[in-house]
Amino acid sequence: MHIVWSVLLLSAMFGCSGQSSKAISVLAAPAGTKSTLATQLEQGNALFASSDYAGAEQAFRQALAIDATSAEAHYNLAVTLDRTGNKTEAKRHYIQAANLAPGNKVIWDSPPLRAQTNGLNHDISRKSHLDPSNRGF
């Protein structure tokens, strides 16, 4: 009987840990993105996929030069910087991406963003105290 409980406990532990081992990847340009930005993001994504992180970083920085309000470009640059060990700058871009895309579950739930020291710990399913619907408007 103890063996059965041990197996069940181990299964539950490993089953729950599956999400944290999931590889973080870059985001594609959303529909409606201007073509120059979309092309730059696609180029960066291709370089990232081929493990050319220096090239991907350059492409994502160029994407930000085109549109500094692109949450996807900030997020993709953050993931790339994270891969190369530049955690400090990566954190700034994760936060910027989250600020630009408050409802983007992929960005807000990314393990690197959640795992940062003094992380944001934002519950995307809970309404913000700034939400006007909470004030009876």
Protein backbone atom coordinates (compact mmCIF):
# COMPACT_ATOMS: atom_id res chain seq x y z
CA MET A 1 0.00 0.00 0.00
CA HIS A 2 2.85 2.40 0.79
CA ILE A 3 4.31 1.75 -2.64
CA VAL A 4 1.04 2.76 -4.31
CA TRP A 5 0.89 6.02 -2.36
CA SER A 6 4.54 6.72 -3.14
CA VAL A 7 3.94 6.18 -6.86
CA LEU A 8 0.86 8.42 -6.79
CA LEU A 9 2.73 11.13 -4.90
CA LEU A 10 5.66 11.04 -7.32
CA SER A 11 3.30 11.10 -10.31
CA ALA A 12 1.52 14.15 -8.92
CA MET A 13 4.82 15.92 -8.26
CA PHE A 14 6.19 15.31 -11.74
CA GLY A 15 2.86 16.01 -13.41
CA CYS A 16 2.61 19.43 -11.78
CA SER A 17 6.16 20.36 -12.66
CA GLY A 18 5.60 19.97 -16.40
CA GLN A 19 4.70 23.61 -17.01
CA SER A 20 7.84 25.01 -15.41
CA SER A 21 10.10 22.94 -17.65
CA LYS A 22 8.35 24.18 -20.77
CA ALA A 23 10.75 26.06 -23.02
CA ILE A 24 10.20 29.78 -23.29
CA SER A 25 9.92 30.93 -26.85
CA VAL A 26 9.55 34.20 -28.69
CA LEU A 27 6.25 35.69 -29.86
CA ALA A 28 5.09 36.34 -33.41
CA ALA A 29 3.83 39.73 -34.53
CA PRO A 30 0.12 40.11 -33.84
CA ALA A 31 -2.35 40.63 -36.67
CA GLY A 32 -2.40 44.20 -37.90
CA THR A 33 1.25 44.90 -37.11
CA LYS A 34 2.87 47.21 -39.66
CA SER A 35 4.89 45.24 -42.18
CA THR A 36 8.33 46.66 -41.30
CA LEU A 37 7.91 45.69 -37.66
CA ALA A 38 6.44 42.28 -38.52
CA THR A 39 9.35 41.55 -40.86
CA GLN A 40 11.88 42.53 -38.20
CA LEU A 41 10.15 40.32 -35.59
CA GLU A 42 10.07 37.40 -38.03
CA GLN A 43 13.77 37.84 -38.74
CA GLY A 44 14.57 37.94 -35.02
CA ASN A 45 12.41 34.89 -34.39
CA ALA A 46 14.21 32.94 -37.13
CA LEU A 47 17.60 33.90 -35.70
CA PHE A 48 16.42 32.96 -32.19
CA ALA A 49 15.18 29.57 -33.46
CA SER A 50 18.61 28.90 -34.98
CA SER A 51 20.28 29.83 -31.65
CA ASP A 52 21.87 32.98 -33.14
CA TYR A 53 21.10 35.01 -30.04
CA ALA A 54 23.41 37.90 -30.96
CA GLY A 55 21.65 38.26 -34.31
CA ALA A 56 18.23 37.89 -32.67
CA GLU A 57 19.10 40.56 -30.11
CA GLN A 58 20.08 42.95 -32.89
CA ALA A 59 16.88 42.22 -34.84
CA PHE A 60 14.67 42.77 -31.78
CA ARG A 61 16.48 46.02 -30.95
CA GLN A 62 15.82 47.15 -34.54
CA ALA A 63 12.16 46.18 -34.09
CA LEU A 64 12.04 48.42 -31.01
CA ALA A 65 13.61 51.24 -33.03
CA ILE A 66 10.66 50.87 -35.43
CA ASP A 67 8.06 50.74 -32.65
CA ALA A 68 9.10 51.15 -29.02
CA THR A 69 5.54 50.27 -27.91
CA SER A 70 5.67 46.72 -29.29
CA ALA A 71 5.13 44.39 -26.34
CA GLU A 72 6.20 41.44 -28.49
CA ALA A 73 9.51 43.10 -29.40
CA HIS A 74 10.23 43.88 -25.73
CA TYR A 75 9.28 40.35 -24.69
CA ASN A 76 11.34 38.71 -27.46
CA LEU A 77 14.35 40.85 -26.59
CA ALA A 78 13.90 39.94 -22.91
CA VAL A 79 13.81 36.21 -23.71
CA THR A 80 16.92 36.59 -25.87
CA LEU A 81 18.78 38.58 -23.22
CA ASP A 82 17.73 36.02 -20.62
CA ARG A 83 19.23 33.25 -22.77
CA THR A 84 22.52 35.10 -23.02
CA GLY A 85 22.69 35.72 -19.28
CA ASN A 86 21.91 39.45 -19.29
CA LYS A 87 19.29 39.11 -16.54
CA THR A 88 19.27 42.76 -15.47
CA GLU A 89 18.38 44.17 -18.87
CA ALA A 90 16.07 41.22 -19.56
CA LYS A 91 14.06 42.07 -16.44
CA ARG A 92 13.55 45.65 -17.66
CA HIS A 93 12.21 44.41 -21.00
CA TYR A 94 9.95 41.78 -19.38
CA ILE A 95 8.43 44.52 -17.24
CA GLN A 96 8.08 46.86 -20.21
CA ALA A 97 6.36 44.10 -22.22
CA ALA A 98 3.99 43.43 -19.32
CA ASN A 99 3.18 47.13 -18.99
CA LEU A 100 2.42 47.36 -22.71
CA ALA A 101 0.29 44.20 -22.78
CA PRO A 102 -1.64 43.97 -19.51
CA GLY A 103 -3.97 41.25 -20.80
CA ASN A 104 -1.37 39.10 -22.57
CA LYS A 105 -1.33 35.87 -20.58
CA VAL A 106 1.82 34.55 -22.31
CA ILE A 107 3.81 37.61 -21.29
CA TRP A 108 2.42 37.81 -17.75
CA ASP A 109 2.74 34.08 -17.13
CA SER A 110 6.25 33.69 -18.49
CA PRO A 111 8.37 31.90 -15.90
CA PRO A 112 11.26 34.35 -16.24
CA LEU A 113 8.96 37.26 -15.37
CA ARG A 114 7.38 35.39 -12.47
CA ALA A 115 10.74 34.15 -11.19
CA GLN A 116 12.42 37.56 -10.96
CA THR A 117 13.42 38.61 -7.46
CA ASN A 118 10.64 40.78 -6.09
CA GLY A 119 8.59 39.73 -9.11
CA LEU A 120 5.37 41.35 -10.16
CA ASN A 121 3.16 38.51 -8.85
CA HIS A 122 0.23 39.88 -10.82
CA ASP A 123 -2.85 37.66 -10.93
CA ILE A 124 -4.18 38.23 -14.44
CA SER A 125 -7.56 36.72 -13.55
CA ARG A 126 -8.10 39.17 -10.65
CA LYS A 127 -9.31 42.66 -11.43
CA SER A 128 -7.00 45.50 -10.60
CA HIS A 129 -7.93 48.04 -7.93
CA LEU A 130 -7.58 50.56 -10.79
CA ASP A 131 -10.37 48.88 -12.79
CA PRO A 132 -13.32 51.32 -13.00
CA SER A 133 -15.81 48.44 -12.69
CA ASN A 134 -14.59 47.91 -9.13
CA ARG A 135 -15.55 51.46 -8.18
CA GLY A 136 -19.21 51.28 -9.13
CA PHE A 137 -18.88 53.63 -12.11
